[in-house]
Amino acid sequence: MARHRKGTIEEAVATAVKQFQKEQQGRGPSEVRAHLVGSLVLVRSSGILTPTESHLSPSSDGRKLIKSARQELHQIVHKDIEGIIGGIVGCNVLRSYCDTNVLAAEQVEVYVLEHDMEKILLRADLDQQ
């Protein structure tokens, strides 16, 4: 089995999140960036709005509706995406948080890991040398 590296894990997480959002929303974000920081995985998705959401976003009520719907969807499917992220990273996800900025068409997700995977990967790199 190939040794896991931080960059390949981050790339795999970004790809998985983009695919998951595409399956959930009918289209994926235009860009997804993932970062492994200690015991956290941070995911920033941009270009997230569907065509319908784009039509709703100019009004205050529309933005509230979009944010509320996305928050509700996260509550429904969070265990699924947490399982996917945990499988990629190699440890359990304890909990996750999600917030959407409709005006910026961005979503940020934070996954709290059971272990400090960044430290574990660094230690493995040092042991390899």
Protein backbone atom coordinates (compact mmCIF):
# COMPACT_ATOMS: atom_id res chain seq x y z
CA MET A 1 0.00 0.00 0.00
CA ALA A 2 1.37 3.42 -0.90
CA ARG A 3 2.38 5.65 1.96
CA HIS A 4 -0.10 8.47 2.54
CA ARG A 5 1.15 12.01 2.15
CA LYS A 6 -0.55 15.18 3.31
CA GLY A 7 -0.95 16.58 -0.21
CA THR A 8 -2.47 13.42 -1.63
CA ILE A 9 -4.89 13.20 1.29
CA GLU A 10 -5.94 16.83 0.79
CA GLU A 11 -6.43 16.26 -2.93
CA ALA A 12 -8.48 13.11 -2.32
CA VAL A 13 -10.66 14.90 0.23
CA ALA A 14 -11.27 17.81 -2.17
CA THR A 15 -12.23 15.40 -4.96
CA ALA A 16 -14.54 13.41 -2.67
CA VAL A 17 -16.27 16.54 -1.34
CA LYS A 18 -16.78 17.89 -4.85
CA GLN A 19 -18.32 14.58 -5.97
CA PHE A 20 -20.47 14.32 -2.84
CA GLN A 21 -21.81 17.85 -3.30
CA LYS A 22 -22.50 17.12 -6.96
CA GLU A 23 -24.56 14.08 -5.97
CA GLN A 24 -26.44 16.04 -3.29
CA GLN A 25 -27.02 19.31 -5.15
CA GLY A 26 -27.13 18.17 -8.77
CA ARG A 27 -23.94 20.08 -9.53
CA GLY A 28 -20.62 20.43 -7.82
CA PRO A 29 -18.76 23.55 -6.76
CA SER A 30 -16.42 25.19 -9.25
CA GLU A 31 -13.48 24.83 -6.86
CA VAL A 32 -12.78 22.85 -3.69
CA ARG A 33 -9.67 23.21 -1.55
CA ALA A 34 -8.95 20.95 1.42
CA HIS A 35 -6.32 21.43 4.12
CA LEU A 36 -5.20 19.01 6.82
CA VAL A 37 -4.26 21.04 9.89
CA GLY A 38 -3.47 19.06 13.00
CA SER A 39 -6.63 17.18 13.92
CA LEU A 40 -8.82 19.19 11.53
CA VAL A 41 -9.70 18.93 7.87
CA LEU A 42 -10.77 22.31 6.50
CA VAL A 43 -12.67 22.37 3.21
CA ARG A 44 -13.50 25.55 1.29
CA SER A 45 -15.82 25.23 -1.69
CA SER A 46 -16.49 28.12 -4.05
CA GLY A 47 -18.96 28.51 -6.87
CA ILE A 48 -21.47 26.42 -4.94
CA LEU A 49 -24.82 27.89 -5.96
CA THR A 50 -27.19 25.98 -8.20
CA PRO A 51 -28.96 27.97 -10.93
CA THR A 52 -32.11 28.13 -8.78
CA GLU A 53 -30.13 29.36 -5.77
CA SER A 54 -28.48 32.01 -7.96
CA HIS A 55 -31.93 33.36 -8.80
CA LEU A 56 -32.88 33.42 -5.11
CA SER A 57 -29.63 34.93 -3.81
CA PRO A 58 -30.22 38.63 -4.59
CA SER A 59 -32.99 38.92 -1.96
CA SER A 60 -32.51 38.71 1.79
CA ASP A 61 -35.27 36.12 2.10
CA GLY A 62 -33.70 34.09 -0.70
CA ARG A 63 -30.30 34.07 1.03
CA LYS A 64 -31.92 32.95 4.29
CA LEU A 65 -33.74 30.17 2.46
CA ILE A 66 -30.55 28.94 0.75
CA LYS A 67 -28.53 29.01 3.96
CA SER A 68 -31.29 27.24 5.89
CA ALA A 69 -31.74 24.55 3.22
CA ARG A 70 -28.00 23.86 3.03
CA GLN A 71 -27.74 23.70 6.82
CA GLU A 72 -30.63 21.23 6.95
CA LEU A 73 -29.05 19.12 4.21
CA HIS A 74 -25.77 19.02 6.16
CA GLN A 75 -27.65 17.75 9.22
CA ILE A 76 -29.21 14.98 7.15
CA VAL A 77 -26.08 13.77 5.32
CA HIS A 78 -23.23 14.67 7.67
CA LYS A 79 -22.62 11.07 8.76
CA ASP A 80 -22.17 10.01 5.13
CA ILE A 81 -19.56 12.64 4.28
CA GLU A 82 -17.84 12.18 7.65
CA GLY A 83 -17.45 8.48 6.83
CA ILE A 84 -15.97 9.29 3.44
CA ILE A 85 -13.53 11.83 4.92
CA GLY A 86 -12.56 9.43 7.72
CA GLY A 87 -11.85 6.69 5.20
CA ILE A 88 -9.57 8.94 3.18
CA VAL A 89 -7.72 10.42 6.16
CA GLY A 90 -7.41 7.12 8.00
CA CYS A 91 -9.13 7.94 11.28
CA ASN A 92 -12.60 8.65 12.62
CA VAL A 93 -14.27 12.02 12.20
CA LEU A 94 -15.70 12.99 15.60
CA ARG A 95 -17.92 15.82 14.35
CA SER A 96 -18.25 18.37 11.57
CA TYR A 97 -19.37 21.93 11.09
CA CYS A 98 -20.58 23.70 7.98
CA ASP A 99 -21.35 27.30 7.10
CA THR A 100 -22.42 28.94 3.85
CA ASN A 101 -21.86 32.50 2.68
CA VAL A 102 -24.47 32.94 -0.02
CA LEU A 103 -23.22 36.31 -1.26
CA ALA A 104 -19.72 34.90 -1.78
CA ALA A 105 -21.15 31.58 -3.11
CA GLU A 106 -18.82 29.78 -0.69
CA GLN A 107 -19.15 26.99 1.82
CA VAL A 108 -16.68 26.10 4.56
CA GLU A 109 -16.67 22.73 6.28
CA VAL A 110 -14.59 21.69 9.27
CA TYR A 111 -14.08 18.04 10.16
CA VAL A 112 -12.72 17.27 13.63
CA LEU A 113 -10.57 14.13 13.58
CA GLU A 114 -9.99 11.63 16.34
CA HIS A 115 -6.20 12.01 15.99
CA ASP A 116 -3.71 14.72 15.00
CA MET A 117 -3.15 13.24 11.55
CA GLU A 118 -0.77 15.98 10.46
CA LYS A 119 1.56 15.05 13.32
CA ILE A 120 1.18 11.33 12.57
CA LEU A 121 2.09 11.90 8.90
CA LEU A 122 5.05 14.09 9.84
CA ARG A 123 6.29 11.46 12.29
CA ALA A 124 5.97 8.78 9.58
CA ASP A 125 7.97 10.97 7.18
CA LEU A 126 10.71 11.45 9.78
CA ASP A 127 10.80 7.73 10.57
CA GLN A 128 11.12 7.00 6.84
CA GLN A 129 14.26 9.17 6.63
